[in-house]
Amino acid sequence: MPHRLHQLADPNADDNQFSKLLVLLRALQITEVSFSLSGGGDQGETSLDHVRYHDGTENASIPEVPVRIDAVGHPAMLCYALSEFAADLPEGDWCNNEGGYGTVTIQPFADCPCDCDMTYRQDGDWEDDDELDDDLEAFVLDPDTAPAGPPAIIIIGEAQA
């Protein structure tokens, strides 16, 4: 299981873990890594959008490269380190309460290697749970025609997040 990397808050500081990740991205000829963030309630999701290389090719995954080994011998992989950095970069609380959404772009060859574009939801600006019910059709079997035992509830359809 990958572990959280310890980094300073300033992604441009020379003595932090992020600077070391930038050096590794440059060595791998990666010019851009982009993540989407979406959260609310008490959960947040960080999803990789794309990885762009110096030759212009794009990929949907970050190379599996270990960036450090912890005291127990577990590797912390580059993909998890970057994802954790992207999740920690926004200044506002994008995971809790109404949450927020946006993107984090890392460009290791740029003068300012991080760009964070977030939108924070206002109170009440969140998907209503009733929308989920519109996609589901539930009914209770008639006890006279149902098999013996407690009443059954059958749900037809797919829940969408």
N, C-alpha and C. Protein backbone atom coordinates (compact mmCIF):
# COMPACT_ATOMS: atom_id res chain seq x y z
N MET A 1 0.84 -1.17 0.00
CA MET A 1 0.00 0.00 0.00
C MET A 1 0.89 1.24 0.00
N PRO A 2 0.69 2.16 -0.93
CA PRO A 2 1.50 3.37 -0.98
C PRO A 2 1.22 4.24 0.24
N HIS A 3 2.20 4.97 0.65
CA HIS A 3 2.06 5.84 1.80
C HIS A 3 2.16 7.28 1.37
N ARG A 4 1.55 8.17 2.17
CA ARG A 4 1.57 9.59 1.88
C ARG A 4 3.01 10.10 1.93
N LEU A 5 3.37 10.87 0.93
CA LEU A 5 4.68 11.51 0.92
C LEU A 5 4.59 12.80 1.71
N HIS A 6 5.62 13.12 2.42
CA HIS A 6 5.64 14.36 3.18
C HIS A 6 6.25 15.45 2.30
N GLN A 7 5.48 16.52 2.09
CA GLN A 7 5.99 17.61 1.29
C GLN A 7 5.62 18.94 1.94
N LEU A 8 6.35 19.96 1.63
CA LEU A 8 6.05 21.29 2.12
C LEU A 8 4.89 21.86 1.32
N ALA A 9 4.25 22.88 1.86
CA ALA A 9 3.09 23.45 1.19
C ALA A 9 3.44 24.16 -0.11
N ASP A 10 4.65 24.70 -0.22
CA ASP A 10 5.04 25.47 -1.40
C ASP A 10 5.60 24.54 -2.49
N PRO A 11 4.88 24.33 -3.61
CA PRO A 11 5.36 23.42 -4.64
C PRO A 11 6.59 23.95 -5.38
N ASN A 12 6.92 25.23 -5.20
CA ASN A 12 8.07 25.80 -5.89
C ASN A 12 9.34 25.82 -5.03
N ALA A 13 9.25 25.37 -3.79
CA ALA A 13 10.42 25.34 -2.91
C ALA A 13 11.39 24.26 -3.39
N ASP A 14 12.69 24.56 -3.32
CA ASP A 14 13.71 23.64 -3.82
C ASP A 14 13.94 22.43 -2.92
N ASP A 15 13.61 22.54 -1.65
CA ASP A 15 13.96 21.48 -0.71
C ASP A 15 12.80 20.54 -0.38
N ASN A 16 11.74 20.53 -1.16
CA ASN A 16 10.63 19.65 -0.82
C ASN A 16 10.51 18.45 -1.76
N GLN A 17 9.66 17.54 -1.38
CA GLN A 17 9.46 16.31 -2.14
C GLN A 17 8.94 16.59 -3.54
N PHE A 18 8.11 17.62 -3.69
CA PHE A 18 7.56 17.92 -5.02
C PHE A 18 8.66 18.27 -6.01
N SER A 19 9.67 19.00 -5.57
CA SER A 19 10.78 19.34 -6.47
C SER A 19 11.46 18.08 -6.98
N LYS A 20 11.57 17.08 -6.13
CA LYS A 20 12.18 15.81 -6.54
C LYS A 20 11.28 15.09 -7.56
N LEU A 21 9.98 15.20 -7.37
CA LEU A 21 9.04 14.60 -8.33
C LEU A 21 9.14 15.30 -9.69
N LEU A 22 9.33 16.61 -9.67
CA LEU A 22 9.48 17.35 -10.92
C LEU A 22 10.73 16.89 -11.68
N VAL A 23 11.82 16.67 -10.96
CA VAL A 23 13.05 16.19 -11.59
C VAL A 23 12.80 14.83 -12.25
N LEU A 24 12.08 13.97 -11.55
CA LEU A 24 11.77 12.64 -12.10
C LEU A 24 10.87 12.76 -13.34
N LEU A 25 9.88 13.63 -13.30
CA LEU A 25 9.01 13.83 -14.47
C LEU A 25 9.81 14.33 -15.66
N ARG A 26 10.73 15.24 -15.41
CA ARG A 26 11.58 15.74 -16.50
C ARG A 26 12.43 14.62 -17.08
N ALA A 27 12.99 13.79 -16.21
CA ALA A 27 13.82 12.67 -16.68
C ALA A 27 13.00 11.69 -17.52
N LEU A 28 11.72 11.55 -17.21
CA LEU A 28 10.82 10.67 -17.97
C LEU A 28 10.27 11.37 -19.21
N GLN A 29 10.68 12.63 -19.44
CA GLN A 29 10.24 13.44 -20.57
C GLN A 29 8.72 13.68 -20.55
N ILE A 30 8.16 13.78 -19.35
CA ILE A 30 6.74 14.09 -19.19
C ILE A 30 6.60 15.61 -19.08
N THR A 31 5.82 16.20 -19.98
CA THR A 31 5.66 17.64 -19.99
C THR A 31 4.41 18.11 -19.27
N GLU A 32 3.43 17.21 -19.09
CA GLU A 32 2.20 17.62 -18.42
C GLU A 32 1.48 16.41 -17.83
N VAL A 33 1.00 16.59 -16.61
CA VAL A 33 0.14 15.61 -15.95
C VAL A 33 -1.07 16.39 -15.47
N SER A 34 -2.27 15.91 -15.81
CA SER A 34 -3.48 16.62 -15.45
C SER A 34 -4.42 15.70 -14.66
N PHE A 35 -4.96 16.26 -13.56
CA PHE A 35 -5.90 15.53 -12.71
C PHE A 35 -7.21 16.31 -12.62
N SER A 36 -8.32 15.57 -12.49
CA SER A 36 -9.62 16.16 -12.18
C SER A 36 -9.93 15.85 -10.73
N LEU A 37 -10.47 16.83 -10.01
CA LEU A 37 -10.86 16.65 -8.62
C LEU A 37 -12.35 16.91 -8.49
N SER A 38 -13.03 16.09 -7.74
CA SER A 38 -14.45 16.29 -7.48
C SER A 38 -14.76 15.76 -6.09
N GLY A 39 -15.43 16.59 -5.29
CA GLY A 39 -15.73 16.15 -3.94
C GLY A 39 -16.93 16.83 -3.36
N GLY A 40 -17.40 16.25 -2.27
CA GLY A 40 -18.52 16.80 -1.53
C GLY A 40 -18.92 15.82 -0.46
N GLY A 41 -19.71 16.29 0.50
CA GLY A 41 -20.07 15.44 1.63
C GLY A 41 -18.84 15.28 2.50
N ASP A 42 -18.26 14.10 2.47
CA ASP A 42 -16.98 13.90 3.16
C ASP A 42 -16.06 13.05 2.32
N GLN A 43 -16.23 13.13 0.99
CA GLN A 43 -15.41 12.33 0.09
C GLN A 43 -14.90 13.18 -1.06
N GLY A 44 -13.74 12.78 -1.57
CA GLY A 44 -13.19 13.45 -2.73
C GLY A 44 -12.54 12.43 -3.64
N GLU A 45 -12.57 12.69 -4.92
CA GLU A 45 -11.97 11.78 -5.89
C GLU A 45 -11.00 12.55 -6.77
N THR A 46 -9.80 12.01 -6.87
CA THR A 46 -8.78 12.58 -7.74
C THR A 46 -8.57 11.60 -8.89
N SER A 47 -8.85 12.02 -10.11
CA SER A 47 -8.76 11.16 -11.28
C SER A 47 -7.73 11.70 -12.26
N LEU A 48 -6.90 10.82 -12.76
CA LEU A 48 -5.91 11.21 -13.77
C LEU A 48 -6.61 11.45 -15.09
N ASP A 49 -6.39 12.63 -15.68
CA ASP A 49 -6.97 12.94 -17.00
C ASP A 49 -6.03 12.47 -18.10
N HIS A 50 -4.78 12.94 -18.04
CA HIS A 50 -3.83 12.55 -19.08
C HIS A 50 -2.39 12.81 -18.63
N VAL A 51 -1.49 12.15 -19.33
CA VAL A 51 -0.05 12.36 -19.19
C VAL A 51 0.45 12.67 -20.59
N ARG A 52 1.11 13.82 -20.74
CA ARG A 52 1.63 14.22 -22.06
C ARG A 52 3.16 14.19 -22.02
N TYR A 53 3.73 13.60 -23.05
CA TYR A 53 5.19 13.47 -23.16
C TYR A 53 5.77 14.52 -24.08
N HIS A 54 7.08 14.70 -24.00
CA HIS A 54 7.81 15.70 -24.78
C HIS A 54 7.59 15.52 -26.29
N ASP A 55 7.43 14.28 -26.74
CA ASP A 55 7.24 14.03 -28.17
C ASP A 55 5.78 14.24 -28.61
N GLY A 56 4.91 14.69 -27.70
CA GLY A 56 3.52 14.98 -28.03
C GLY A 56 2.55 13.85 -27.78
N THR A 57 3.04 12.66 -27.50
CA THR A 57 2.12 11.54 -27.24
C THR A 57 1.47 11.72 -25.88
N GLU A 58 0.28 11.15 -25.77
CA GLU A 58 -0.46 11.19 -24.51
C GLU A 58 -0.74 9.77 -24.05
N ASN A 59 -0.87 9.62 -22.76
CA ASN A 59 -1.15 8.33 -22.17
C ASN A 59 -2.16 8.55 -21.06
N ALA A 60 -2.86 7.50 -20.69
CA ALA A 60 -3.86 7.59 -19.64
C ALA A 60 -3.34 7.06 -18.31
N SER A 61 -2.03 6.83 -18.21
CA SER A 61 -1.46 6.35 -16.95
C SER A 61 -0.06 6.92 -16.74
N ILE A 62 0.29 7.02 -15.48
CA ILE A 62 1.62 7.50 -15.09
C ILE A 62 2.52 6.27 -14.98
N PRO A 63 3.75 6.35 -15.45
CA PRO A 63 4.65 5.20 -15.33
C PRO A 63 4.78 4.72 -13.88
N GLU A 64 4.82 3.41 -13.70
CA GLU A 64 4.97 2.81 -12.37
C GLU A 64 6.43 2.88 -11.95
N VAL A 65 6.78 3.97 -11.31
CA VAL A 65 8.16 4.21 -10.88
C VAL A 65 8.13 4.48 -9.38
N PRO A 66 8.92 3.76 -8.59
CA PRO A 66 8.95 4.06 -7.15
C PRO A 66 9.71 5.37 -6.90
N VAL A 67 9.20 6.17 -5.98
CA VAL A 67 9.84 7.45 -5.67
C VAL A 67 10.54 7.43 -4.32
N ARG A 68 10.19 6.48 -3.47
CA ARG A 68 10.89 6.29 -2.21
C ARG A 68 10.44 4.95 -1.61
N ILE A 69 11.18 4.50 -0.63
CA ILE A 69 10.86 3.27 0.10
C ILE A 69 10.71 3.65 1.57
N ASP A 70 9.61 3.20 2.19
CA ASP A 70 9.43 3.55 3.60
C ASP A 70 10.26 2.63 4.50
N ALA A 71 10.18 2.85 5.79
CA ALA A 71 11.00 2.11 6.76
C ALA A 71 10.68 0.62 6.79
N VAL A 72 9.50 0.24 6.33
CA VAL A 72 9.09 -1.16 6.33
C VAL A 72 9.39 -1.83 4.99
N GLY A 73 9.82 -1.05 4.01
CA GLY A 73 10.17 -1.60 2.71
C GLY A 73 9.09 -1.48 1.66
N HIS A 74 8.01 -0.74 1.94
CA HIS A 74 6.94 -0.54 0.95
C HIS A 74 7.31 0.62 0.03
N PRO A 75 7.15 0.43 -1.29
CA PRO A 75 7.45 1.54 -2.20
C PRO A 75 6.30 2.54 -2.28
N ALA A 76 6.63 3.79 -2.42
CA ALA A 76 5.65 4.84 -2.75
C ALA A 76 5.86 5.11 -4.23
N MET A 77 4.83 4.85 -5.02
CA MET A 77 4.93 4.96 -6.47
C MET A 77 4.63 6.38 -6.95
N LEU A 78 5.20 6.74 -8.10
CA LEU A 78 5.04 8.06 -8.68
C LEU A 78 3.57 8.41 -8.90
N CYS A 79 2.79 7.46 -9.39
CA CYS A 79 1.37 7.74 -9.68
C CYS A 79 0.63 8.16 -8.40
N TYR A 80 0.89 7.49 -7.29
CA TYR A 80 0.22 7.83 -6.04
C TYR A 80 0.76 9.13 -5.46
N ALA A 81 2.06 9.35 -5.58
CA ALA A 81 2.65 10.58 -5.05
C ALA A 81 2.07 11.80 -5.76
N LEU A 82 1.94 11.73 -7.08
CA LEU A 82 1.38 12.85 -7.84
C LEU A 82 -0.10 13.05 -7.54
N SER A 83 -0.82 11.95 -7.41
CA SER A 83 -2.24 12.03 -7.10
C SER A 83 -2.46 12.67 -5.73
N GLU A 84 -1.66 12.29 -4.75
CA GLU A 84 -1.77 12.88 -3.42
C GLU A 84 -1.40 14.36 -3.45
N PHE A 85 -0.37 14.70 -4.21
CA PHE A 85 0.01 16.10 -4.32
C PHE A 85 -1.14 16.90 -4.93
N ALA A 86 -1.74 16.38 -6.01
CA ALA A 86 -2.85 17.08 -6.66
C ALA A 86 -4.02 17.25 -5.70
N ALA A 87 -4.30 16.24 -4.89
CA ALA A 87 -5.41 16.32 -3.93
C ALA A 87 -5.15 17.35 -2.84
N ASP A 88 -3.88 17.52 -2.46
CA ASP A 88 -3.51 18.45 -1.38
C ASP A 88 -3.29 19.88 -1.86
N LEU A 89 -3.16 20.11 -3.16
CA LEU A 89 -2.80 21.43 -3.68
C LEU A 89 -3.88 22.50 -3.51
N PRO A 90 -5.16 22.22 -3.76
CA PRO A 90 -6.16 23.29 -3.63
C PRO A 90 -6.18 23.87 -2.22
N GLU A 91 -6.33 25.20 -2.15
CA GLU A 91 -6.35 25.87 -0.85
C GLU A 91 -7.65 25.65 -0.11
N GLY A 92 -8.75 25.52 -0.81
CA GLY A 92 -10.05 25.35 -0.16
C GLY A 92 -10.35 23.89 0.11
N ASP A 93 -11.39 23.66 0.89
CA ASP A 93 -11.81 22.31 1.24
C ASP A 93 -12.76 21.80 0.16
N TRP A 94 -12.22 21.06 -0.80
CA TRP A 94 -13.01 20.57 -1.93
C TRP A 94 -13.64 19.21 -1.66
N CYS A 95 -13.35 18.60 -0.51
CA CYS A 95 -13.88 17.27 -0.20
C CYS A 95 -15.08 17.30 0.74
N ASN A 96 -15.10 18.20 1.71
CA ASN A 96 -16.12 18.17 2.75
C ASN A 96 -17.25 19.14 2.48
N ASN A 97 -18.36 18.88 3.15
CA ASN A 97 -19.57 19.69 3.04
C ASN A 97 -20.00 19.79 1.58
N GLU A 98 -20.19 20.99 1.06
CA GLU A 98 -20.64 21.13 -0.32
C GLU A 98 -19.55 20.77 -1.32
N GLY A 99 -18.29 20.90 -0.91
CA GLY A 99 -17.16 20.46 -1.74
C GLY A 99 -16.88 21.35 -2.93
N GLY A 100 -16.24 20.75 -3.91
CA GLY A 100 -15.88 21.49 -5.10
C GLY A 100 -15.36 20.57 -6.18
N TYR A 101 -14.97 21.17 -7.29
CA TYR A 101 -14.47 20.41 -8.42
C TYR A 101 -13.51 21.28 -9.22
N GLY A 102 -12.65 20.64 -9.98
CA GLY A 102 -11.72 21.40 -10.79
C GLY A 102 -10.58 20.54 -11.30
N THR A 103 -9.50 21.19 -11.69
CA THR A 103 -8.35 20.48 -12.24
C THR A 103 -7.06 20.96 -11.59
N VAL A 104 -6.10 20.05 -11.57
CA VAL A 104 -4.73 20.37 -11.18
C VAL A 104 -3.85 19.91 -12.33
N THR A 105 -3.03 20.83 -12.85
CA THR A 105 -2.13 20.51 -13.95
C THR A 105 -0.70 20.72 -13.47
N ILE A 106 0.13 19.71 -13.70
CA ILE A 106 1.54 19.78 -13.34
C ILE A 106 2.35 19.78 -14.63
N GLN A 107 3.17 20.82 -14.80
CA GLN A 107 4.02 20.96 -15.99
C GLN A 107 5.47 21.13 -15.52
N PRO A 108 6.21 20.04 -15.45
CA PRO A 108 7.55 20.08 -14.84
C PRO A 108 8.57 20.95 -15.55
N PHE A 109 8.37 21.29 -16.81
CA PHE A 109 9.33 22.13 -17.54
C PHE A 109 8.96 23.61 -17.49
N ALA A 110 7.81 23.95 -16.92
CA ALA A 110 7.34 25.33 -16.87
C ALA A 110 7.97 26.08 -15.70
N ASP A 111 8.01 27.42 -15.80
CA ASP A 111 8.52 28.24 -14.71
C ASP A 111 7.66 28.09 -13.46
N CYS A 112 6.36 28.05 -13.64
CA CYS A 112 5.43 27.80 -12.54
C CYS A 112 4.80 26.44 -12.81
N PRO A 113 5.30 25.38 -12.17
CA PRO A 113 4.93 24.02 -12.58
C PRO A 113 3.54 23.55 -12.19
N CYS A 114 2.81 24.32 -11.38
CA CYS A 114 1.49 23.86 -10.93
C CYS A 114 0.41 24.88 -11.26
N ASP A 115 -0.71 24.38 -11.73
CA ASP A 115 -1.87 25.22 -11.98
C ASP A 115 -3.06 24.51 -11.36
N CYS A 116 -3.78 25.22 -10.53
CA CYS A 116 -4.95 24.66 -9.86
C CYS A 116 -6.15 25.54 -10.18
N ASP A 117 -7.15 24.97 -10.81
CA ASP A 117 -8.37 25.69 -11.18
C ASP A 117 -9.55 25.00 -10.51
N MET A 118 -10.00 25.56 -9.40
CA MET A 118 -11.06 24.92 -8.62
C MET A 118 -12.30 25.82 -8.54
N THR A 119 -13.45 25.17 -8.47
CA THR A 119 -14.72 25.84 -8.23
C THR A 119 -15.30 25.20 -6.97
N TYR A 120 -15.66 26.03 -6.00
CA TYR A 120 -16.21 25.52 -4.75
C TYR A 120 -17.71 25.75 -4.74
N ARG A 121 -18.44 24.70 -4.40
CA ARG A 121 -19.90 24.77 -4.39
C ARG A 121 -20.36 25.59 -3.19
N GLN A 122 -21.42 26.33 -3.40
CA GLN A 122 -22.05 27.07 -2.31
C GLN A 122 -23.02 26.15 -1.59
N ASP A 123 -23.43 26.52 -0.39
CA ASP A 123 -24.40 25.71 0.35
C ASP A 123 -25.63 25.47 -0.53
N GLY A 124 -26.03 24.22 -0.61
CA GLY A 124 -27.20 23.86 -1.39
C GLY A 124 -26.92 23.61 -2.86
N ASP A 125 -25.71 23.83 -3.31
CA ASP A 125 -25.35 23.63 -4.72
C ASP A 125 -24.73 22.26 -4.89
N TRP A 126 -25.50 21.23 -4.62
CA TRP A 126 -25.00 19.86 -4.69
C TRP A 126 -26.12 19.00 -5.25
N GLU A 127 -25.75 17.90 -5.88
CA GLU A 127 -26.76 17.01 -6.45
C GLU A 127 -27.71 16.55 -5.37
N ASP A 128 -28.99 16.59 -5.67
CA ASP A 128 -30.00 16.16 -4.72
C ASP A 128 -30.14 14.65 -4.79
N ASP A 129 -30.28 14.01 -3.63
CA ASP A 129 -30.44 12.56 -3.59
C ASP A 129 -31.70 12.11 -4.32
N ASP A 130 -32.69 13.01 -4.49
CA ASP A 130 -33.91 12.64 -5.19
C ASP A 130 -33.64 12.31 -6.65
N GLU A 131 -32.56 12.86 -7.24
CA GLU A 131 -32.22 12.56 -8.62
C GLU A 131 -31.91 11.08 -8.78
N LEU A 132 -31.33 10.47 -7.77
CA LEU A 132 -31.03 9.05 -7.81
C LEU A 132 -32.32 8.24 -7.89
N ASP A 133 -33.35 8.68 -7.16
CA ASP A 133 -34.62 7.95 -7.17
C ASP A 133 -35.28 7.97 -8.54
N ASP A 134 -35.03 9.01 -9.34
CA ASP A 134 -35.61 9.08 -10.68
C ASP A 134 -35.08 7.97 -11.58
N ASP A 135 -33.88 7.49 -11.30
CA ASP A 135 -33.27 6.45 -12.13
C ASP A 135 -33.59 5.04 -11.63
N LEU A 136 -34.30 4.95 -10.54
CA LEU A 136 -34.63 3.65 -9.96
C LEU A 136 -36.15 3.47 -9.93
N GLU A 137 -36.58 2.27 -10.13
CA GLU A 137 -37.99 1.95 -9.99
C GLU A 137 -38.08 0.84 -8.94
N ALA A 138 -38.73 1.11 -7.83
CA ALA A 138 -38.81 0.13 -6.75
C ALA A 138 -40.27 -0.22 -6.53
N PHE A 139 -40.51 -1.45 -6.23
CA PHE A 139 -41.87 -1.85 -5.88
C PHE A 139 -41.80 -3.00 -4.89
N VAL A 140 -42.87 -3.16 -4.12
CA VAL A 140 -42.97 -4.22 -3.13
C VAL A 140 -43.89 -5.28 -3.69
N LEU A 141 -43.47 -6.53 -3.60
CA LEU A 141 -44.30 -7.63 -4.09
C LEU A 141 -45.56 -7.76 -3.25
N ASP A 142 -46.66 -8.12 -3.90
CA ASP A 142 -47.93 -8.34 -3.23
C ASP A 142 -47.78 -9.53 -2.29
N PRO A 143 -48.06 -9.36 -0.99
CA PRO A 143 -47.87 -10.45 -0.04
C PRO A 143 -48.73 -11.69 -0.36
N ASP A 144 -49.86 -11.50 -1.07
CA ASP A 144 -50.71 -12.64 -1.41
C ASP A 144 -50.09 -13.51 -2.48
N THR A 145 -49.25 -12.92 -3.37
CA THR A 145 -48.65 -13.69 -4.45
C THR A 145 -47.16 -13.93 -4.26
N ALA A 146 -46.57 -13.30 -3.24
CA ALA A 146 -45.14 -13.45 -2.99
C ALA A 146 -44.86 -14.75 -2.26
N PRO A 147 -43.67 -15.28 -2.40
CA PRO A 147 -43.30 -16.46 -1.63
C PRO A 147 -43.36 -16.16 -0.13
N ALA A 148 -43.46 -17.21 0.66
CA ALA A 148 -43.53 -17.04 2.11
C ALA A 148 -42.26 -16.37 2.61
N GLY A 149 -42.39 -15.60 3.67
CA GLY A 149 -41.25 -14.91 4.25
C GLY A 149 -41.50 -13.42 4.27
N PRO A 150 -40.51 -12.66 4.65
CA PRO A 150 -40.70 -11.21 4.72
C PRO A 150 -40.89 -10.62 3.32
N PRO A 151 -41.57 -9.47 3.23
CA PRO A 151 -41.76 -8.85 1.92
C PRO A 151 -40.41 -8.52 1.27
N ALA A 152 -40.38 -8.61 -0.04
CA ALA A 152 -39.15 -8.34 -0.79
C ALA A 152 -39.28 -7.03 -1.53
N ILE A 153 -38.18 -6.33 -1.62
CA ILE A 153 -38.13 -5.11 -2.42
C ILE A 153 -37.18 -5.38 -3.58
N ILE A 154 -37.66 -5.16 -4.78
CA ILE A 154 -36.84 -5.38 -5.96
C ILE A 154 -36.57 -4.03 -6.61
N ILE A 155 -35.34 -3.77 -6.91
CA ILE A 155 -34.96 -2.51 -7.55
C ILE A 155 -34.55 -2.80 -8.98
N ILE A 156 -35.16 -2.07 -9.90
CA ILE A 156 -34.87 -2.23 -11.32
C ILE A 156 -34.19 -0.95 -11.78
N GLY A 157 -33.06 -1.09 -12.47
CA GLY A 157 -32.32 0.07 -12.96
C GLY A 157 -30.95 0.12 -12.34
N GLU A 158 -30.20 1.14 -12.70
CA GLU A 158 -28.84 1.29 -12.20
C GLU A 158 -28.73 2.60 -11.45
N ALA A 159 -28.08 2.54 -10.31
CA ALA A 159 -27.80 3.77 -9.57
C ALA A 159 -26.64 4.46 -10.25
N GLN A 160 -26.76 5.76 -10.41
CA GLN A 160 -25.67 6.53 -11.02
C GLN A 160 -25.13 7.49 -10.00
N ALA A 161 -23.81 7.57 -9.92
CA ALA A 161 -23.20 8.47 -8.94
C ALA A 161 -23.28 9.90 -9.41
